[in-house]
All heavy atoms as atom14 arrays in JSON, in Angstrom:
{
  "sequence": "NVYNSFHVPDFHHEWIQKGWIDAVGGSLINPLFVPEELSIQILPMEM",
  "atom14_mask": [
    [1, 1, 1, 1, 1, 1, 1, 1, 0, 0, 0, 0, 0, 0],
    [1, 1, 1, 1, 1, 1, 1, 0, 0, 0, 0, 0, 0, 0],
    [1, 1, 1, 1, 1, 1, 1, 1, 1, 1, 1, 1, 0, 0],
    [1, 1, 1, 1, 1, 1, 1, 1, 0, 0, 0, 0, 0, 0],
    [1, 1, 1, 1, 1, 1, 0, 0, 0, 0, 0, 0, 0, 0],
    [1, 1, 1, 1, 1, 1, 1, 1, 1, 1, 1, 0, 0, 0],
    [1, 1, 1, 1, 1, 1, 1, 1, 1, 1, 0, 0, 0, 0],
    [1, 1, 1, 1, 1, 1, 1, 0, 0, 0, 0, 0, 0, 0],
    [1, 1, 1, 1, 1, 1, 1, 0, 0, 0, 0, 0, 0, 0],
    [1, 1, 1, 1, 1, 1, 1, 1, 0, 0, 0, 0, 0, 0],
    [1, 1, 1, 1, 1, 1, 1, 1, 1, 1, 1, 0, 0, 0],
    [1, 1, 1, 1, 1, 1, 1, 1, 1, 1, 0, 0, 0, 0],
    [1, 1, 1, 1, 1, 1, 1, 1, 1, 1, 0, 0, 0, 0],
    [1, 1, 1, 1, 1, 1, 1, 1, 1, 0, 0, 0, 0, 0],
    [1, 1, 1, 1, 1, 1, 1, 1, 1, 1, 1, 1, 1, 1],
    [1, 1, 1, 1, 1, 1, 1, 1, 0, 0, 0, 0, 0, 0],
    [1, 1, 1, 1, 1, 1, 1, 1, 1, 0, 0, 0, 0, 0],
    [1, 1, 1, 1, 1, 1, 1, 1, 1, 0, 0, 0, 0, 0],
    [1, 1, 1, 1, 0, 0, 0, 0, 0, 0, 0, 0, 0, 0],
    [1, 1, 1, 1, 1, 1, 1, 1, 1, 1, 1, 1, 1, 1],
    [1, 1, 1, 1, 1, 1, 1, 1, 0, 0, 0, 0, 0, 0],
    [1, 1, 1, 1, 1, 1, 1, 1, 0, 0, 0, 0, 0, 0],
    [1, 1, 1, 1, 1, 0, 0, 0, 0, 0, 0, 0, 0, 0],
    [1, 1, 1, 1, 1, 1, 1, 0, 0, 0, 0, 0, 0, 0],
    [1, 1, 1, 1, 0, 0, 0, 0, 0, 0, 0, 0, 0, 0],
    [1, 1, 1, 1, 0, 0, 0, 0, 0, 0, 0, 0, 0, 0],
    [1, 1, 1, 1, 1, 1, 0, 0, 0, 0, 0, 0, 0, 0],
    [1, 1, 1, 1, 1, 1, 1, 1, 0, 0, 0, 0, 0, 0],
    [1, 1, 1, 1, 1, 1, 1, 1, 0, 0, 0, 0, 0, 0],
    [1, 1, 1, 1, 1, 1, 1, 1, 0, 0, 0, 0, 0, 0],
    [1, 1, 1, 1, 1, 1, 1, 0, 0, 0, 0, 0, 0, 0],
    [1, 1, 1, 1, 1, 1, 1, 1, 0, 0, 0, 0, 0, 0],
    [1, 1, 1, 1, 1, 1, 1, 1, 1, 1, 1, 0, 0, 0],
    [1, 1, 1, 1, 1, 1, 1, 0, 0, 0, 0, 0, 0, 0],
    [1, 1, 1, 1, 1, 1, 1, 0, 0, 0, 0, 0, 0, 0],
    [1, 1, 1, 1, 1, 1, 1, 1, 1, 0, 0, 0, 0, 0],
    [1, 1, 1, 1, 1, 1, 1, 1, 1, 0, 0, 0, 0, 0],
    [1, 1, 1, 1, 1, 1, 1, 1, 0, 0, 0, 0, 0, 0],
    [1, 1, 1, 1, 1, 1, 0, 0, 0, 0, 0, 0, 0, 0],
    [1, 1, 1, 1, 1, 1, 1, 1, 0, 0, 0, 0, 0, 0],
    [1, 1, 1, 1, 1, 1, 1, 1, 1, 0, 0, 0, 0, 0],
    [1, 1, 1, 1, 1, 1, 1, 1, 0, 0, 0, 0, 0, 0],
    [1, 1, 1, 1, 1, 1, 1, 1, 0, 0, 0, 0, 0, 0],
    [1, 1, 1, 1, 1, 1, 1, 0, 0, 0, 0, 0, 0, 0],
    [1, 1, 1, 1, 1, 1, 1, 1, 0, 0, 0, 0, 0, 0],
    [1, 1, 1, 1, 1, 1, 1, 1, 1, 0, 0, 0, 0, 0],
    [1, 1, 1, 1, 1, 1, 1, 1, 0, 0, 0, 0, 0, 0]
  ],
  "atom14_positions": [
    [[0.85, -1.17, 0.0], [-0.01, -0.02, 0.01], [0.89, 1.26, 0.0], [2.1, 1.15, -0.05], [-0.94, -0.06, 1.21], [-0.17, -0.26, 2.53], [0.48, 0.72, 2.97], [-0.29, -1.42, 3.08], [0.0, 0.0, 0.0], [0.0, 0.0, 0.0], [0.0, 0.0, 0.0], [0.0, 0.0, 0.0], [0.0, 0.0, 0.0], [0.0, 0.0, 0.0]],
    [[0.26, 2.4, 0.04], [1.01, 3.64, -0.02], [2.02, 3.74, 1.11], [3.17, 4.13, 0.97], [0.03, 4.83, 0.05], [0.84, 6.18, 0.2], [-0.85, 4.93, -1.15], [0.0, 0.0, 0.0], [0.0, 0.0, 0.0], [0.0, 0.0, 0.0], [0.0, 0.0, 0.0], [0.0, 0.0, 0.0], [0.0, 0.0, 0.0], [0.0, 0.0, 0.0]],
    [[1.57, 3.36, 2.33], [2.42, 3.52, 3.51], [3.77, 2.76, 3.36], [4.83, 3.29, 3.61], [1.72, 3.03, 4.76], [0.42, 3.72, 5.1], [-0.77, 3.03, 5.07], [0.39, 5.09, 5.41], [-1.98, 3.6, 5.41], [-0.82, 5.67, 5.73], [-2.02, 4.96, 5.77], [-3.2, 5.61, 6.02], [0.0, 0.0, 0.0], [0.0, 0.0, 0.0]],
    [[3.69, 1.44, 3.03], [4.85, 0.63, 3.09], [5.55, 0.45, 1.74], [6.49, -0.29, 1.62], [4.52, -0.76, 3.65], [3.55, -1.59, 2.8], [3.13, -1.09, 1.73], [3.28, -2.76, 3.2], [0.0, 0.0, 0.0], [0.0, 0.0, 0.0], [0.0, 0.0, 0.0], [0.0, 0.0, 0.0], [0.0, 0.0, 0.0], [0.0, 0.0, 0.0]],
    [[5.1, 1.14, 0.72], [5.52, 0.91, -0.68], [7.07, 1.03, -0.83], [7.69, 0.24, -1.57], [4.83, 1.84, -1.64], [4.99, 3.19, -1.28], [0.0, 0.0, 0.0], [0.0, 0.0, 0.0], [0.0, 0.0, 0.0], [0.0, 0.0, 0.0], [0.0, 0.0, 0.0], [0.0, 0.0, 0.0], [0.0, 0.0, 0.0], [0.0, 0.0, 0.0]],
    [[7.7, 1.96, -0.14], [9.14, 2.22, -0.29], [9.94, 1.28, 0.67], [11.18, 1.24, 0.55], [9.5, 3.66, 0.0], [9.17, 4.55, -1.18], [7.9, 5.13, -1.29], [10.1, 4.84, -2.16], [7.57, 5.98, -2.35], [9.8, 5.67, -3.24], [8.52, 6.25, -3.32], [0.0, 0.0, 0.0], [0.0, 0.0, 0.0], [0.0, 0.0, 0.0]],
    [[9.26, 0.54, 1.56], [9.99, -0.19, 2.59], [9.87, -1.69, 2.5], [10.65, -2.42, 3.12], [9.53, 0.25, 3.98], [9.8, 1.71, 4.25], [10.95, 2.22, 4.64], [8.94, 2.81, 4.15], [10.93, 3.51, 4.77], [9.66, 3.9, 4.44], [0.0, 0.0, 0.0], [0.0, 0.0, 0.0], [0.0, 0.0, 0.0], [0.0, 0.0, 0.0]],
    [[8.89, -2.19, 1.74], [8.72, -3.61, 1.58], [10.01, -4.28, 1.07], [10.35, -5.36, 1.61], [7.56, -3.89, 0.62], [7.5, -5.39, 0.18], [6.2, -3.62, 1.36], [0.0, 0.0, 0.0], [0.0, 0.0, 0.0], [0.0, 0.0, 0.0], [0.0, 0.0, 0.0], [0.0, 0.0, 0.0], [0.0, 0.0, 0.0], [0.0, 0.0, 0.0]],
    [[10.72, -3.76, 0.12], [11.94, -4.48, -0.32], [12.96, -4.76, 0.81], [13.48, -5.82, 0.94], [12.53, -3.56, -1.36], [11.38, -2.79, -1.91], [10.46, -2.58, -0.74], [0.0, 0.0, 0.0], [0.0, 0.0, 0.0], [0.0, 0.0, 0.0], [0.0, 0.0, 0.0], [0.0, 0.0, 0.0], [0.0, 0.0, 0.0], [0.0, 0.0, 0.0]],
    [[13.15, -3.74, 1.67], [14.11, -3.92, 2.78], [13.64, -4.99, 3.73], [14.4, -5.81, 4.21], [14.31, -2.59, 3.5], [14.96, -1.52, 2.7], [15.76, -1.88, 1.81], [14.68, -0.37, 2.87], [0.0, 0.0, 0.0], [0.0, 0.0, 0.0], [0.0, 0.0, 0.0], [0.0, 0.0, 0.0], [0.0, 0.0, 0.0], [0.0, 0.0, 0.0]],
    [[12.34, -5.01, 4.02], [11.76, -5.93, 4.91], [11.94, -7.39, 4.42], [12.44, -8.28, 5.09], [10.28, -5.58, 5.11], [9.42, -6.57, 5.79], [9.94, -7.41, 6.8], [8.06, -6.69, 5.49], [9.14, -8.32, 7.49], [7.24, -7.64, 6.15], [7.78, -8.42, 7.11], [0.0, 0.0, 0.0], [0.0, 0.0, 0.0], [0.0, 0.0, 0.0]],
    [[11.51, -7.64, 3.18], [11.59, -8.97, 2.6], [13.05, -9.39, 2.41], [13.42, -10.56, 2.65], [10.83, -9.0, 1.29], [9.36, -8.99, 1.45], [8.49, -9.84, 0.77], [8.56, -8.31, 2.33], [7.25, -9.62, 1.12], [7.28, -8.65, 2.08], [0.0, 0.0, 0.0], [0.0, 0.0, 0.0], [0.0, 0.0, 0.0], [0.0, 0.0, 0.0]],
    [[13.84, -8.41, 2.05], [15.31, -8.69, 1.86], [15.9, -9.2, 3.19], [16.6, -10.21, 3.15], [15.96, -7.31, 1.53], [17.22, -7.42, 0.73], [17.46, -6.72, -0.41], [18.37, -8.09, 0.98], [18.65, -7.02, -0.87], [19.27, -7.81, -0.01], [0.0, 0.0, 0.0], [0.0, 0.0, 0.0], [0.0, 0.0, 0.0], [0.0, 0.0, 0.0]],
    [[15.6, -8.63, 4.3], [16.15, -8.99, 5.58], [15.73, -10.38, 5.97], [16.51, -11.2, 6.47], [15.72, -8.01, 6.65], [16.31, -8.37, 8.01], [16.19, -7.25, 9.06], [16.44, -6.09, 8.73], [15.79, -7.57, 10.18], [0.0, 0.0, 0.0], [0.0, 0.0, 0.0], [0.0, 0.0, 0.0], [0.0, 0.0, 0.0], [0.0, 0.0, 0.0]],
    [[14.43, -10.7, 5.8], [13.92, -12.04, 6.17], [14.55, -13.16, 5.32], [14.83, -14.25, 5.74], [12.45, -12.09, 6.11], [11.79, -11.64, 7.45], [12.11, -10.48, 8.14], [10.8, -12.26, 8.16], [11.39, -10.44, 9.26], [10.55, -11.46, 9.35], [10.03, -13.4, 7.96], [9.57, -11.81, 10.28], [9.07, -13.76, 8.94], [8.86, -12.96, 10.08]],
    [[14.85, -12.83, 4.06], [15.52, -13.8, 3.18], [16.94, -14.06, 3.62], [17.4, -15.18, 3.77], [15.48, -13.33, 1.69], [14.08, -13.43, 1.15], [16.42, -14.16, 0.87], [13.93, -12.73, -0.2], [0.0, 0.0, 0.0], [0.0, 0.0, 0.0], [0.0, 0.0, 0.0], [0.0, 0.0, 0.0], [0.0, 0.0, 0.0], [0.0, 0.0, 0.0]],
    [[17.65, -12.96, 3.94], [19.03, -13.06, 4.37], [19.16, -13.78, 5.72], [20.14, -14.4, 6.01], [19.71, -11.73, 4.36], [19.86, -11.14, 2.98], [20.62, -9.82, 2.93], [20.39, -8.98, 3.78], [21.52, -9.69, 2.01], [0.0, 0.0, 0.0], [0.0, 0.0, 0.0], [0.0, 0.0, 0.0], [0.0, 0.0, 0.0], [0.0, 0.0, 0.0]],
    [[18.09, -13.6, 6.55], [18.14, -14.31, 7.89], [17.8, -15.83, 7.71], [17.99, -16.57, 8.66], [17.09, -13.68, 8.8], [17.5, -12.41, 9.44], [16.45, -11.95, 10.41], [16.83, -10.7, 11.18], [15.8, -10.26, 12.15], [0.0, 0.0, 0.0], [0.0, 0.0, 0.0], [0.0, 0.0, 0.0], [0.0, 0.0, 0.0], [0.0, 0.0, 0.0]],
    [[17.32, -16.22, 6.58], [16.89, -17.57, 6.32], [15.53, -17.85, 6.88], [15.13, -19.01, 7.07], [0.0, 0.0, 0.0], [0.0, 0.0, 0.0], [0.0, 0.0, 0.0], [0.0, 0.0, 0.0], [0.0, 0.0, 0.0], [0.0, 0.0, 0.0], [0.0, 0.0, 0.0], [0.0, 0.0, 0.0], [0.0, 0.0, 0.0], [0.0, 0.0, 0.0]],
    [[14.72, -16.78, 7.13], [13.4, -16.96, 7.75], [12.31, -17.23, 6.69], [11.3, -17.73, 7.03], [13.02, -15.72, 8.56], [13.76, -15.63, 9.88], [14.83, -16.41, 10.27], [13.6, -14.69, 10.9], [15.26, -16.04, 11.49], [14.51, -14.98, 11.94], [12.67, -13.65, 11.11], [14.57, -14.29, 13.13], [12.74, -12.94, 12.3], [13.65, -13.25, 13.27]],
    [[12.64, -16.88, 5.42], [11.73, -17.27, 4.31], [12.64, -17.63, 3.09], [13.79, -17.25, 3.1], [10.76, -16.11, 3.88], [11.58, -14.9, 3.49], [9.75, -15.86, 4.96], [10.71, -13.76, 2.88], [0.0, 0.0, 0.0], [0.0, 0.0, 0.0], [0.0, 0.0, 0.0], [0.0, 0.0, 0.0], [0.0, 0.0, 0.0], [0.0, 0.0, 0.0]],
    [[12.09, -18.38, 2.14], [12.82, -18.74, 0.94], [12.85, -17.58, 0.03], [11.94, -16.73, -0.05], [12.13, -19.9, 0.25], [12.27, -21.2, 1.01], [13.16, -21.3, 1.84], [11.49, -22.15, 0.71], [0.0, 0.0, 0.0], [0.0, 0.0, 0.0], [0.0, 0.0, 0.0], [0.0, 0.0, 0.0], [0.0, 0.0, 0.0], [0.0, 0.0, 0.0]],
    [[13.91, -17.43, -0.75], [14.05, -16.38, -1.76], [13.0, -16.59, -2.87], [12.34, -15.62, -3.34], [15.43, -16.32, -2.33], [0.0, 0.0, 0.0], [0.0, 0.0, 0.0], [0.0, 0.0, 0.0], [0.0, 0.0, 0.0], [0.0, 0.0, 0.0], [0.0, 0.0, 0.0], [0.0, 0.0, 0.0], [0.0, 0.0, 0.0], [0.0, 0.0, 0.0]],
    [[12.81, -17.81, -3.3], [11.83, -18.17, -4.3], [10.59, -18.71, -3.6], [10.61, -19.73, -2.97], [12.38, -19.19, -5.31], [11.31, -19.57, -6.34], [13.64, -18.71, -5.98], [0.0, 0.0, 0.0], [0.0, 0.0, 0.0], [0.0, 0.0, 0.0], [0.0, 0.0, 0.0], [0.0, 0.0, 0.0], [0.0, 0.0, 0.0], [0.0, 0.0, 0.0]],
    [[9.52, -17.95, -3.77], [8.21, -18.4, -3.19], [8.02, -18.01, -1.77], [6.96, -18.27, -1.2], [0.0, 0.0, 0.0], [0.0, 0.0, 0.0], [0.0, 0.0, 0.0], [0.0, 0.0, 0.0], [0.0, 0.0, 0.0], [0.0, 0.0, 0.0], [0.0, 0.0, 0.0], [0.0, 0.0, 0.0], [0.0, 0.0, 0.0], [0.0, 0.0, 0.0]],
    [[8.99, -17.37, -1.16], [8.84, -17.07, 0.25], [8.16, -15.78, 0.6], [7.99, -15.41, 1.76], [0.0, 0.0, 0.0], [0.0, 0.0, 0.0], [0.0, 0.0, 0.0], [0.0, 0.0, 0.0], [0.0, 0.0, 0.0], [0.0, 0.0, 0.0], [0.0, 0.0, 0.0], [0.0, 0.0, 0.0], [0.0, 0.0, 0.0], [0.0, 0.0, 0.0]],
    [[7.77, -15.04, -0.42], [7.05, -13.8, -0.16], [5.97, -13.55, -1.2], [6.21, -13.74, -2.37], [8.02, -12.59, -0.15], [8.71, -12.41, -1.33], [0.0, 0.0, 0.0], [0.0, 0.0, 0.0], [0.0, 0.0, 0.0], [0.0, 0.0, 0.0], [0.0, 0.0, 0.0], [0.0, 0.0, 0.0], [0.0, 0.0, 0.0], [0.0, 0.0, 0.0]],
    [[4.82, -13.22, -0.74], [3.66, -12.88, -1.55], [3.37, -11.45, -1.34], [2.95, -11.02, -0.22], [2.48, -13.82, -1.21], [1.21, -13.58, -2.01], [1.36, -13.92, -3.45], [0.04, -14.43, -1.42], [0.0, 0.0, 0.0], [0.0, 0.0, 0.0], [0.0, 0.0, 0.0], [0.0, 0.0, 0.0], [0.0, 0.0, 0.0], [0.0, 0.0, 0.0]],
    [[3.55, -10.58, -2.34], [3.27, -9.18, -2.21], [1.99, -8.86, -2.98], [1.94, -8.88, -4.18], [4.42, -8.32, -2.75], [5.76, -8.69, -2.09], [4.17, -6.83, -2.53], [6.97, -8.05, -2.66], [0.0, 0.0, 0.0], [0.0, 0.0, 0.0], [0.0, 0.0, 0.0], [0.0, 0.0, 0.0], [0.0, 0.0, 0.0], [0.0, 0.0, 0.0]],
    [[0.95, -8.66, -2.19], [-0.38, -8.44, -2.79], [-0.67, -6.89, -2.88], [-0.78, -6.24, -1.84], [-1.51, -9.06, -1.93], [-1.4, -10.59, -1.95], [-1.34, -11.21, -3.01], [-1.42, -11.17, -0.75], [0.0, 0.0, 0.0], [0.0, 0.0, 0.0], [0.0, 0.0, 0.0], [0.0, 0.0, 0.0], [0.0, 0.0, 0.0], [0.0, 0.0, 0.0]],
    [[-0.79, -6.39, -4.08], [-1.13, -4.95, -4.18], [-2.54, -4.7, -3.69], [-3.48, -5.46, -4.06], [-0.98, -4.61, -5.67], [-1.13, -5.98, -6.36], [-0.62, -6.99, -5.4], [0.0, 0.0, 0.0], [0.0, 0.0, 0.0], [0.0, 0.0, 0.0], [0.0, 0.0, 0.0], [0.0, 0.0, 0.0], [0.0, 0.0, 0.0], [0.0, 0.0, 0.0]],
    [[-2.73, -3.73, -2.85], [-4.06, -3.4, -2.29], [-4.96, -2.87, -3.38], [-4.53, -1.97, -4.17], [-3.85, -2.39, -1.12], [-5.1, -1.95, -0.41], [-5.62, -3.02, 0.49], [-4.85, -0.67, 0.36], [0.0, 0.0, 0.0], [0.0, 0.0, 0.0], [0.0, 0.0, 0.0], [0.0, 0.0, 0.0], [0.0, 0.0, 0.0], [0.0, 0.0, 0.0]],
    [[-6.21, -3.33, -3.39], [-7.21, -2.78, -4.27], [-8.21, -1.79, -3.55], [-8.55, -0.77, -4.08], [-8.02, -3.91, -4.92], [-7.35, -4.61, -6.01], [-6.51, -5.68, -5.74], [-7.48, -4.23, -7.3], [-5.82, -6.4, -6.75], [-6.8, -4.87, -8.38], [-6.03, -5.93, -8.07], [0.0, 0.0, 0.0], [0.0, 0.0, 0.0], [0.0, 0.0, 0.0]],
    [[-8.62, -2.23, -2.36], [-9.56, -1.42, -1.57], [-9.08, -1.37, -0.12], [-8.56, -2.39, 0.4], [-11.0, -1.95, -1.63], [-11.59, -1.72, -3.02], [-11.04, -3.46, -1.24], [0.0, 0.0, 0.0], [0.0, 0.0, 0.0], [0.0, 0.0, 0.0], [0.0, 0.0, 0.0], [0.0, 0.0, 0.0], [0.0, 0.0, 0.0], [0.0, 0.0, 0.0]],
    [[-9.23, -0.24, 0.56], [-9.78, 1.01, 0.06], [-8.85, 1.65, -0.99], [-7.63, 1.7, -0.81], [-9.87, 1.91, 1.28], [-8.98, 1.34, 2.27], [-8.88, -0.13, 2.01], [0.0, 0.0, 0.0], [0.0, 0.0, 0.0], [0.0, 0.0, 0.0], [0.0, 0.0, 0.0], [0.0, 0.0, 0.0], [0.0, 0.0, 0.0], [0.0, 0.0, 0.0]],
    [[-9.42, 2.12, -2.1], [-8.69, 2.6, -3.24], [-7.73, 3.74, -2.88], [-6.67, 3.85, -3.53], [-9.68, 3.01, -4.32], [-9.04, 3.14, -5.7], [-10.02, 3.46, -6.79], [-11.24, 3.58, -6.49], [-9.59, 3.61, -7.95], [0.0, 0.0, 0.0], [0.0, 0.0, 0.0], [0.0, 0.0, 0.0], [0.0, 0.0, 0.0], [0.0, 0.0, 0.0]],
    [[-8.09, 4.52, -1.9], [-7.18, 5.66, -1.59], [-5.9, 5.25, -0.91], [-5.0, 6.09, -0.75], [-7.92, 6.69, -0.71], [-8.32, 6.2, 0.7], [-9.71, 5.59, 0.77], [-10.2, 5.18, -0.34], [-10.27, 5.52, 1.81], [0.0, 0.0, 0.0], [0.0, 0.0, 0.0], [0.0, 0.0, 0.0], [0.0, 0.0, 0.0], [0.0, 0.0, 0.0]],
    [[-5.76, 3.97, -0.56], [-4.48, 3.48, 0.0], [-3.64, 2.7, -1.02], [-2.61, 2.2, -0.69], [-4.77, 2.61, 1.24], [-5.51, 3.23, 2.4], [-5.59, 2.32, 3.6], [-4.87, 4.58, 2.83], [0.0, 0.0, 0.0], [0.0, 0.0, 0.0], [0.0, 0.0, 0.0], [0.0, 0.0, 0.0], [0.0, 0.0, 0.0], [0.0, 0.0, 0.0]],
    [[-4.14, 2.6, -2.22], [-3.43, 1.83, -3.29], [-2.25, 2.66, -3.77], [-2.27, 3.88, -3.86], [-4.37, 1.61, -4.44], [-3.68, 1.14, -5.59], [0.0, 0.0, 0.0], [0.0, 0.0, 0.0], [0.0, 0.0, 0.0], [0.0, 0.0, 0.0], [0.0, 0.0, 0.0], [0.0, 0.0, 0.0], [0.0, 0.0, 0.0], [0.0, 0.0, 0.0]],
    [[-1.19, 1.97, -4.19], [0.01, 2.64, -4.76], [-0.33, 3.34, -6.09], [0.43, 4.17, -6.59], [1.21, 1.69, -4.89], [0.86, 0.58, -5.93], [1.68, 1.18, -3.61], [2.09, -0.26, -6.29], [0.0, 0.0, 0.0], [0.0, 0.0, 0.0], [0.0, 0.0, 0.0], [0.0, 0.0, 0.0], [0.0, 0.0, 0.0], [0.0, 0.0, 0.0]],
    [[-1.5, 3.08, -6.65], [-1.92, 3.69, -7.88], [-2.3, 5.16, -7.69], [-2.43, 5.9, -8.63], [-3.05, 2.94, -8.54], [-2.63, 1.56, -9.03], [-3.75, 0.81, -9.62], [-4.93, 0.96, -9.27], [-3.46, -0.17, -10.5], [0.0, 0.0, 0.0], [0.0, 0.0, 0.0], [0.0, 0.0, 0.0], [0.0, 0.0, 0.0], [0.0, 0.0, 0.0]],
    [[-2.39, 5.63, -6.42], [-2.66, 7.04, -6.13], [-1.44, 7.89, -6.21], [-1.52, 9.09, -6.25], [-3.4, 7.26, -4.83], [-2.43, 7.23, -3.65], [-4.59, 6.31, -4.61], [-2.93, 7.88, -2.38], [0.0, 0.0, 0.0], [0.0, 0.0, 0.0], [0.0, 0.0, 0.0], [0.0, 0.0, 0.0], [0.0, 0.0, 0.0], [0.0, 0.0, 0.0]],
    [[-0.24, 7.29, -6.15], [0.98, 8.06, -6.12], [1.15, 8.97, -7.33], [0.81, 8.52, -8.49], [2.21, 7.12, -6.04], [2.31, 6.29, -4.75], [3.5, 5.32, -4.84], [2.49, 7.16, -3.51], [0.0, 0.0, 0.0], [0.0, 0.0, 0.0], [0.0, 0.0, 0.0], [0.0, 0.0, 0.0], [0.0, 0.0, 0.0], [0.0, 0.0, 0.0]],
    [[1.57, 10.2, -7.15], [1.8, 11.06, -8.33], [3.0, 10.56, -9.16], [3.8, 9.74, -8.63], [2.1, 12.41, -7.69], [2.63, 12.11, -6.33], [1.88, 10.85, -5.92], [0.0, 0.0, 0.0], [0.0, 0.0, 0.0], [0.0, 0.0, 0.0], [0.0, 0.0, 0.0], [0.0, 0.0, 0.0], [0.0, 0.0, 0.0], [0.0, 0.0, 0.0]],
    [[3.1, 10.98, -10.35], [4.04, 10.43, -11.3], [5.52, 10.53, -10.75], [6.27, 9.56, -10.94], [3.93, 11.12, -12.67], [4.81, 10.54, -13.75], [4.46, 8.74, -14.01], [2.76, 8.84, -14.66], [0.0, 0.0, 0.0], [0.0, 0.0, 0.0], [0.0, 0.0, 0.0], [0.0, 0.0, 0.0], [0.0, 0.0, 0.0], [0.0, 0.0, 0.0]],
    [[5.86, 11.6, -10.15], [7.24, 11.74, -9.7], [7.53, 10.72, -8.63], [8.67, 10.2, -8.55], [7.55, 13.16, -9.2], [6.7, 13.63, -8.02], [5.42, 14.34, -8.42], [4.95, 14.11, -9.58], [4.91, 15.13, -7.64], [0.0, 0.0, 0.0], [0.0, 0.0, 0.0], [0.0, 0.0, 0.0], [0.0, 0.0, 0.0], [0.0, 0.0, 0.0]],
    [[6.58, 10.41, -7.77], [6.8, 9.37, -6.73], [6.81, 7.99, -7.35], [7.56, 7.11, -6.9], [5.82, 9.53, -5.6], [6.04, 10.71, -4.73], [4.95, 10.7, -3.28], [5.68, 9.41, -2.26], [0.0, 0.0, 0.0], [0.0, 0.0, 0.0], [0.0, 0.0, 0.0], [0.0, 0.0, 0.0], [0.0, 0.0, 0.0], [0.0, 0.0, 0.0]]
  ]
}
């Protein structure tokens, strides 16, 4: 979602390196659809 959009890579990256999840198949990143105002699709073009 908008809040975590810039931080999800670091989060998943860390858990993979710790061996807490698999690199392949160990993370499911679901883009939020509703509420629509929290979707990353609201970000302005520069962001």
